[in-house]
C-alpha cells in the first residue's frame, strides 16, 4: 500500500463510519505499518489526529524495518 491510498482509505472510513471508524482505520494502519514503516504510520496518526479522535497512538520505533 502507498501513502496516498492509505490516506484515501482512512478518509473514506471516517466519512462512512464517523466516530465508529476506529476498527476500519486500524486495519489500514496495520497495513501501513507493515508496508511503509513507523514514520508513515506516525505521519498518518498526526495528519488525521487519530490519537485524539480514535485512540490510535503513534509508534515508538520502527520494528518492521529489516
N, C-alpha and C. Protein backbone atom coordinates (compact mmCIF):
# COMPACT_ATOMS: atom_id res chain seq x y z
N UNK A 1 0.85 -1.18 0.00
CA UNK A 1 0.00 0.00 0.00
C UNK A 1 0.89 1.24 0.00
N UNK A 2 0.48 2.26 -0.75
CA UNK A 2 1.22 3.52 -0.72
C UNK A 2 0.50 4.52 0.18
N UNK A 3 1.18 5.60 0.49
CA UNK A 3 0.66 6.58 1.45
C UNK A 3 -0.62 7.24 0.96
N UNK A 4 -0.70 7.52 -0.32
CA UNK A 4 -1.89 8.18 -0.86
C UNK A 4 -3.12 7.26 -0.74
N UNK A 5 -2.94 5.98 -1.02
CA UNK A 5 -4.04 5.02 -0.88
C UNK A 5 -4.48 4.94 0.58
N UNK A 6 -3.52 4.91 1.48
CA UNK A 6 -3.84 4.86 2.91
C UNK A 6 -4.66 6.08 3.33
N UNK A 7 -4.25 7.26 2.87
CA UNK A 7 -4.99 8.49 3.21
C UNK A 7 -6.43 8.42 2.70
N UNK A 8 -6.58 7.93 1.48
CA UNK A 8 -7.93 7.82 0.90
C UNK A 8 -8.79 6.84 1.69
N UNK A 9 -8.20 5.72 2.07
CA UNK A 9 -8.96 4.71 2.82
C UNK A 9 -9.34 5.20 4.21
N UNK A 10 -8.43 5.93 4.87
CA UNK A 10 -8.75 6.48 6.19
C UNK A 10 -9.84 7.53 6.05
N UNK A 11 -9.70 8.41 5.09
CA UNK A 11 -10.70 9.45 4.87
C UNK A 11 -12.07 8.84 4.57
N UNK A 12 -12.08 7.80 3.77
CA UNK A 12 -13.33 7.10 3.44
C UNK A 12 -13.95 6.46 4.68
N UNK A 13 -13.13 5.84 5.52
CA UNK A 13 -13.64 5.21 6.75
C UNK A 13 -14.24 6.26 7.68
N UNK A 14 -13.57 7.40 7.81
CA UNK A 14 -14.08 8.47 8.68
C UNK A 14 -15.41 8.99 8.14
N UNK A 15 -15.48 9.17 6.82
CA UNK A 15 -16.71 9.65 6.20
C UNK A 15 -17.84 8.65 6.39
N UNK A 16 -17.54 7.37 6.20
CA UNK A 16 -18.57 6.34 6.25
C UNK A 16 -19.01 6.00 7.68
N UNK A 17 -18.05 5.91 8.61
CA UNK A 17 -18.36 5.41 9.96
C UNK A 17 -18.30 6.45 11.05
N UNK A 18 -17.75 7.63 10.76
CA UNK A 18 -17.68 8.69 11.77
C UNK A 18 -16.92 8.26 13.01
N UNK A 19 -17.52 8.44 14.16
CA UNK A 19 -16.85 8.12 15.42
C UNK A 19 -16.63 6.63 15.62
N UNK A 20 -17.23 5.81 14.79
CA UNK A 20 -17.07 4.35 14.89
C UNK A 20 -16.08 3.80 13.85
N UNK A 21 -15.25 4.66 13.30
CA UNK A 21 -14.33 4.27 12.23
C UNK A 21 -13.06 3.57 12.72
N UNK A 22 -12.83 3.55 14.03
CA UNK A 22 -11.56 3.03 14.55
C UNK A 22 -11.20 1.63 14.04
N UNK A 23 -12.12 0.65 14.03
CA UNK A 23 -11.71 -0.68 13.53
C UNK A 23 -11.26 -0.66 12.07
N UNK A 24 -11.95 0.08 11.23
CA UNK A 24 -11.56 0.17 9.81
C UNK A 24 -10.22 0.89 9.67
N UNK A 25 -10.03 1.96 10.42
CA UNK A 25 -8.77 2.71 10.37
C UNK A 25 -7.64 1.83 10.89
N UNK A 26 -7.90 1.07 11.92
CA UNK A 26 -6.87 0.19 12.49
C UNK A 26 -6.37 -0.81 11.46
N UNK A 27 -7.25 -1.35 10.64
CA UNK A 27 -6.84 -2.27 9.59
C UNK A 27 -5.91 -1.59 8.59
N UNK A 28 -6.26 -0.38 8.18
CA UNK A 28 -5.43 0.38 7.25
C UNK A 28 -4.07 0.67 7.89
N UNK A 29 -4.10 1.08 9.15
CA UNK A 29 -2.86 1.45 9.84
C UNK A 29 -1.94 0.24 10.02
N UNK A 30 -2.50 -0.93 10.23
CA UNK A 30 -1.67 -2.14 10.33
C UNK A 30 -0.96 -2.40 9.00
N UNK A 31 -1.67 -2.20 7.90
CA UNK A 31 -1.05 -2.36 6.58
C UNK A 31 0.03 -1.32 6.35
N UNK A 32 -0.24 -0.09 6.75
CA UNK A 32 0.74 0.99 6.60
C UNK A 32 2.00 0.66 7.39
N UNK A 33 1.83 0.23 8.63
CA UNK A 33 2.99 -0.11 9.47
C UNK A 33 3.81 -1.22 8.82
N UNK A 34 3.14 -2.22 8.30
CA UNK A 34 3.81 -3.35 7.68
C UNK A 34 4.50 -2.95 6.37
N UNK A 35 3.80 -2.20 5.53
CA UNK A 35 4.32 -1.87 4.20
C UNK A 35 5.26 -0.67 4.17
N UNK A 36 4.98 0.34 5.00
CA UNK A 36 5.69 1.62 4.89
C UNK A 36 6.51 1.98 6.12
N UNK A 37 6.29 1.31 7.24
CA UNK A 37 7.08 1.56 8.43
C UNK A 37 6.46 2.57 9.40
N UNK A 38 7.19 2.78 10.50
CA UNK A 38 6.69 3.60 11.61
C UNK A 38 6.54 5.07 11.24
N UNK A 39 7.45 5.61 10.43
CA UNK A 39 7.36 7.03 10.10
C UNK A 39 6.06 7.34 9.36
N UNK A 40 5.72 6.54 8.38
CA UNK A 40 4.47 6.74 7.64
C UNK A 40 3.27 6.56 8.56
N UNK A 41 3.33 5.56 9.43
CA UNK A 41 2.26 5.32 10.40
C UNK A 41 2.07 6.57 11.26
N UNK A 42 3.17 7.07 11.82
CA UNK A 42 3.09 8.23 12.70
C UNK A 42 2.65 9.48 11.96
N UNK A 43 3.06 9.63 10.71
CA UNK A 43 2.63 10.77 9.90
C UNK A 43 1.11 10.76 9.72
N UNK A 44 0.55 9.58 9.50
CA UNK A 44 -0.90 9.47 9.34
C UNK A 44 -1.64 9.72 10.65
N UNK A 45 -1.08 9.21 11.76
CA UNK A 45 -1.69 9.47 13.08
C UNK A 45 -1.80 10.98 13.29
N UNK A 46 -0.72 11.68 12.95
CA UNK A 46 -0.70 13.14 13.13
C UNK A 46 -1.62 13.84 12.14
N UNK A 47 -1.57 13.45 10.88
CA UNK A 47 -2.35 14.11 9.83
C UNK A 47 -3.85 14.04 10.09
N UNK A 48 -4.30 12.90 10.59
CA UNK A 48 -5.74 12.70 10.82
C UNK A 48 -6.13 12.85 12.28
N UNK A 49 -5.17 13.22 13.16
CA UNK A 49 -5.42 13.37 14.59
C UNK A 49 -6.04 12.10 15.18
N UNK A 50 -5.49 10.95 14.76
CA UNK A 50 -6.06 9.66 15.14
C UNK A 50 -5.92 9.36 16.62
N UNK A 51 -4.89 9.88 17.25
CA UNK A 51 -4.71 9.60 18.68
C UNK A 51 -5.84 10.23 19.48
N UNK A 52 -6.17 11.46 19.17
CA UNK A 52 -7.22 12.16 19.90
C UNK A 52 -8.61 11.61 19.55
N UNK A 53 -8.86 11.39 18.27
CA UNK A 53 -10.20 11.01 17.83
C UNK A 53 -10.51 9.52 17.99
N UNK A 54 -9.49 8.66 17.79
CA UNK A 54 -9.75 7.22 17.76
C UNK A 54 -8.84 6.41 18.68
N UNK A 55 -8.05 7.11 19.50
CA UNK A 55 -7.16 6.44 20.46
C UNK A 55 -6.16 5.52 19.77
N UNK A 56 -5.70 5.93 18.57
CA UNK A 56 -4.66 5.20 17.85
C UNK A 56 -3.37 5.98 18.05
N UNK A 57 -2.48 5.45 18.88
CA UNK A 57 -1.26 6.17 19.27
C UNK A 57 -0.15 5.97 18.25
N UNK A 58 0.75 6.96 18.17
CA UNK A 58 1.92 6.79 17.30
C UNK A 58 2.81 5.67 17.82
N UNK A 59 3.61 5.11 16.92
CA UNK A 59 4.54 4.06 17.30
C UNK A 59 5.80 4.66 17.92
N UNK A 60 6.38 3.93 18.84
CA UNK A 60 7.61 4.39 19.50
C UNK A 60 8.80 4.29 18.56
N UNK A 61 8.90 3.16 17.83
CA UNK A 61 10.02 2.96 16.92
C UNK A 61 9.57 2.06 15.79
N UNK A 62 10.41 1.97 14.79
CA UNK A 62 10.08 1.17 13.60
C UNK A 62 10.61 -0.25 13.75
N UNK A 63 9.74 -1.19 14.12
CA UNK A 63 10.13 -2.58 14.29
C UNK A 63 9.99 -3.38 13.00
N UNK A 64 9.38 -2.78 11.98
CA UNK A 64 9.12 -3.54 10.75
C UNK A 64 10.28 -3.44 9.76
N UNK A 65 11.25 -2.59 10.02
CA UNK A 65 12.39 -2.47 9.10
C UNK A 65 13.36 -3.63 9.30
N UNK A 66 13.99 -4.03 8.22
CA UNK A 66 14.98 -5.10 8.35
C UNK A 66 16.30 -4.66 7.77
